[in-house]
Amino acid sequence: MPKGGWQEFSSADSLQRPSEPAAEPTPKAQQMVRVQPTRGGKGGKTVTVIRGLELDAAGLKVLLKKLKTRIGSGGTAKDGLIELQGDQVDLALELLAKEGYRPRRAGG
């Protein structure tokens, strides 16, 4: 018997993943979307970061494409974030509101 009586895996049931169906996605109007200008790690260049979007990779790419074409700027989607080149906070807030989200300005 191990010291302290602690067992890492008490039964085979504890190793099973829950079999519940995936939760319903949060409606666009209820997602906490934050838009923030940042310069960290970008060589002094300003980048607009959009976070809090509950989208899969395909959904992020579609939204990124819309934002890039409407703003006229480059950008990328990675790790659940959207990064747009330059200080595009006001335009991003406006366009996200038109898409049905309730974005908020964060940071500077």
C-alpha atoms as a PDB file:
ATOM      1  CA  MET A   1       0.000   0.000   0.000  1.00  0.00           C
ATOM      2  CA  PRO A   2       1.396   3.420  -0.932  1.00  0.00           C
ATOM      3  CA  LYS A   3       2.178   5.950   1.761  1.00  0.00           C
ATOM      4  CA  GLY A   4      -0.615   8.362   2.634  1.00  0.00           C
ATOM      5  CA  GLY A   5      -3.342   6.256   1.021  1.00  0.00           C
ATOM      6  CA  TRP A   6      -3.469   8.506  -2.059  1.00  0.00           C
ATOM      7  CA  GLN A   7      -4.107   6.801  -5.392  1.00  0.00           C
ATOM      8  CA  GLU A   8      -3.590   8.600  -8.661  1.00  0.00           C
ATOM      9  CA  PHE A   9      -6.151   6.544 -10.594  1.00  0.00           C
ATOM     10  CA  SER A  10      -8.716   5.004  -8.330  1.00  0.00           C
ATOM     11  CA  SER A  11     -10.702   3.237 -11.043  1.00  0.00           C
ATOM     12  CA  ALA A  12     -10.932   2.787 -14.795  1.00  0.00           C
ATOM     13  CA  ASP A  13     -14.006   5.070 -14.814  1.00  0.00           C
ATOM     14  CA  SER A  14     -11.882   8.061 -13.850  1.00  0.00           C
ATOM     15  CA  LEU A  15      -9.953   7.698 -17.101  1.00  0.00           C
ATOM     16  CA  GLN A  16     -13.070   7.974 -19.307  1.00  0.00           C
ATOM     17  CA  ARG A  17     -13.896  11.263 -20.962  1.00  0.00           C
ATOM     18  CA  PRO A  18     -17.393  12.628 -20.452  1.00  0.00           C
ATOM     19  CA  SER A  19     -19.778  11.510 -23.187  1.00  0.00           C
ATOM     20  CA  GLU A  20     -22.009  14.592 -23.030  1.00  0.00           C
ATOM     21  CA  PRO A  21     -22.739  16.365 -26.310  1.00  0.00           C
ATOM     22  CA  ALA A  22     -20.816  19.539 -27.038  1.00  0.00           C
ATOM     23  CA  ALA A  23     -22.292  22.651 -25.478  1.00  0.00           C
ATOM     24  CA  GLU A  24     -24.234  25.055 -27.652  1.00  0.00           C
ATOM     25  CA  PRO A  25     -22.037  27.828 -29.013  1.00  0.00           C
ATOM     26  CA  THR A  26     -22.475  31.181 -27.303  1.00  0.00           C
ATOM     27  CA  PRO A  27     -24.515  33.634 -29.397  1.00  0.00           C
ATOM     28  CA  LYS A  28     -22.471  36.389 -31.044  1.00  0.00           C
ATOM     29  CA  ALA A  29     -24.103  39.123 -28.961  1.00  0.00           C
ATOM     30  CA  GLN A  30     -23.102  37.385 -25.706  1.00  0.00           C
ATOM     31  CA  GLN A  31     -19.434  36.753 -26.502  1.00  0.00           C
ATOM     32  CA  MET A  32     -16.904  38.944 -24.698  1.00  0.00           C
ATOM     33  CA  VAL A  33     -14.932  40.204 -27.701  1.00  0.00           C
ATOM     34  CA  ARG A  34     -12.009  42.497 -26.880  1.00  0.00           C
ATOM     35  CA  VAL A  35     -10.150  44.652 -29.406  1.00  0.00           C
ATOM     36  CA  GLN A  36      -6.765  45.971 -28.299  1.00  0.00           C
ATOM     37  CA  PRO A  37      -3.800  47.696 -29.932  1.00  0.00           C
ATOM     38  CA  THR A  38      -0.469  46.218 -28.885  1.00  0.00           C
ATOM     39  CA  ARG A  39       3.205  46.506 -29.791  1.00  0.00           C
ATOM     40  CA  GLY A  40       4.734  43.709 -27.755  1.00  0.00           C
ATOM     41  CA  GLY A  41       7.099  41.473 -29.693  1.00  0.00           C
ATOM     42  CA  LYS A  42       6.330  43.036 -33.061  1.00  0.00           C
ATOM     43  CA  GLY A  43       9.463  45.096 -33.571  1.00  0.00           C
ATOM     44  CA  GLY A  44       7.777  48.316 -32.439  1.00  0.00           C
ATOM     45  CA  LYS A  45       4.952  47.981 -34.977  1.00  0.00           C
ATOM     46  CA  THR A  46       1.390  48.433 -33.757  1.00  0.00           C
ATOM     47  CA  VAL A  47      -0.873  45.412 -34.166  1.00  0.00           C
ATOM     48  CA  THR A  48      -4.602  45.240 -33.407  1.00  0.00           C
ATOM     49  CA  VAL A  49      -5.483  42.057 -31.504  1.00  0.00           C
ATOM     50  CA  ILE A  50      -9.034  40.689 -31.377  1.00  0.00           C
ATOM     51  CA  ARG A  51      -9.655  38.045 -28.706  1.00  0.00           C
ATOM     52  CA  GLY A  52     -12.624  36.349 -27.118  1.00  0.00           C
ATOM     53  CA  LEU A  53     -14.180  35.047 -30.329  1.00  0.00           C
ATOM     54  CA  GLU A  54     -15.681  31.595 -29.822  1.00  0.00           C
ATOM     55  CA  LEU A  55     -15.133  30.356 -33.366  1.00  0.00           C
ATOM     56  CA  ASP A  56     -13.456  27.313 -34.845  1.00  0.00           C
ATOM     57  CA  ALA A  57     -10.457  27.720 -37.149  1.00  0.00           C
ATOM     58  CA  ALA A  58     -12.628  27.937 -40.279  1.00  0.00           C
ATOM     59  CA  GLY A  59     -14.872  30.579 -38.703  1.00  0.00           C
ATOM     60  CA  LEU A  60     -11.850  32.640 -37.664  1.00  0.00           C
ATOM     61  CA  LYS A  61     -10.493  32.520 -41.216  1.00  0.00           C
ATOM     62  CA  VAL A  62     -13.818  33.672 -42.683  1.00  0.00           C
ATOM     63  CA  LEU A  63     -14.074  36.582 -40.234  1.00  0.00           C
ATOM     64  CA  LEU A  64     -10.414  37.470 -40.794  1.00  0.00           C
ATOM     65  CA  LYS A  65     -10.988  37.586 -44.560  1.00  0.00           C
ATOM     66  CA  LYS A  66     -13.939  39.973 -44.100  1.00  0.00           C
ATOM     67  CA  LEU A  67     -11.958  42.224 -41.762  1.00  0.00           C
ATOM     68  CA  LYS A  68      -8.885  42.321 -43.992  1.00  0.00           C
ATOM     69  CA  THR A  69     -10.846  43.198 -47.140  1.00  0.00           C
ATOM     70  CA  ARG A  70     -12.957  45.874 -45.447  1.00  0.00           C
ATOM     71  CA  ILE A  71     -10.060  47.465 -43.566  1.00  0.00           C
ATOM     72  CA  GLY A  72      -7.534  47.084 -46.375  1.00  0.00           C
ATOM     73  CA  SER A  73      -4.814  45.691 -44.134  1.00  0.00           C
ATOM     74  CA  GLY A  74      -2.952  42.450 -43.613  1.00  0.00           C
ATOM     75  CA  GLY A  75      -3.553  40.117 -40.715  1.00  0.00           C
ATOM     76  CA  THR A  76      -3.439  36.595 -39.363  1.00  0.00           C
ATOM     77  CA  ALA A  77      -5.477  34.218 -37.212  1.00  0.00           C
ATOM     78  CA  LYS A  78      -3.574  32.067 -34.734  1.00  0.00           C
ATOM     79  CA  ASP A  79      -4.213  30.550 -31.297  1.00  0.00           C
ATOM     80  CA  GLY A  80      -7.831  31.748 -31.335  1.00  0.00           C
ATOM     81  CA  LEU A  81      -6.767  35.379 -31.872  1.00  0.00           C
ATOM     82  CA  ILE A  82      -7.023  37.670 -34.873  1.00  0.00           C
ATOM     83  CA  GLU A  83      -4.131  40.075 -35.448  1.00  0.00           C
ATOM     84  CA  LEU A  84      -4.515  42.968 -37.884  1.00  0.00           C
ATOM     85  CA  GLN A  85      -1.563  45.055 -39.011  1.00  0.00           C
ATOM     86  CA  GLY A  86      -1.611  48.651 -37.803  1.00  0.00           C
ATOM     87  CA  ASP A  87      -3.840  50.519 -35.374  1.00  0.00           C
ATOM     88  CA  GLN A  88      -7.238  49.399 -36.717  1.00  0.00           C
ATOM     89  CA  VAL A  89      -9.162  49.383 -33.428  1.00  0.00           C
ATOM     90  CA  ASP A  90     -11.957  51.786 -34.408  1.00  0.00           C
ATOM     91  CA  LEU A  91     -12.576  50.112 -37.755  1.00  0.00           C
ATOM     92  CA  ALA A  92     -12.485  46.640 -36.191  1.00  0.00           C
ATOM     93  CA  LEU A  93     -14.980  47.692 -33.496  1.00  0.00           C
ATOM     94  CA  GLU A  94     -17.335  49.049 -36.138  1.00  0.00           C
ATOM     95  CA  LEU A  95     -17.102  46.003 -38.398  1.00  0.00           C
ATOM     96  CA  LEU A  96     -17.474  43.488 -35.564  1.00  0.00           C
ATOM     97  CA  ALA A  97     -20.591  45.338 -34.377  1.00  0.00           C
ATOM     98  CA  LYS A  98     -22.036  45.053 -37.902  1.00  0.00           C
ATOM     99  CA  GLU A  99     -21.345  41.293 -37.817  1.00  0.00           C
ATOM    100  CA  GLY A 100     -23.503  40.971 -34.684  1.00  0.00           C
ATOM    101  CA  TYR A 101     -20.814  40.892 -31.974  1.00  0.00           C
ATOM    102  CA  ARG A 102     -20.626  43.265 -29.007  1.00  0.00           C
ATOM    103  CA  PRO A 103     -16.937  44.226 -29.081  1.00  0.00           C
ATOM    104  CA  ARG A 104     -15.245  46.368 -26.459  1.00  0.00           C
ATOM    105  CA  ARG A 105     -12.030  48.340 -26.576  1.00  0.00           C
ATOM    106  CA  ALA A 106      -9.370  46.965 -24.258  1.00  0.00           C
ATOM    107  CA  GLY A 107      -6.089  48.525 -23.230  1.00  0.00           C
ATOM    108  CA  GLY A 108      -4.725  51.735 -24.802  1.00  0.00           C
END
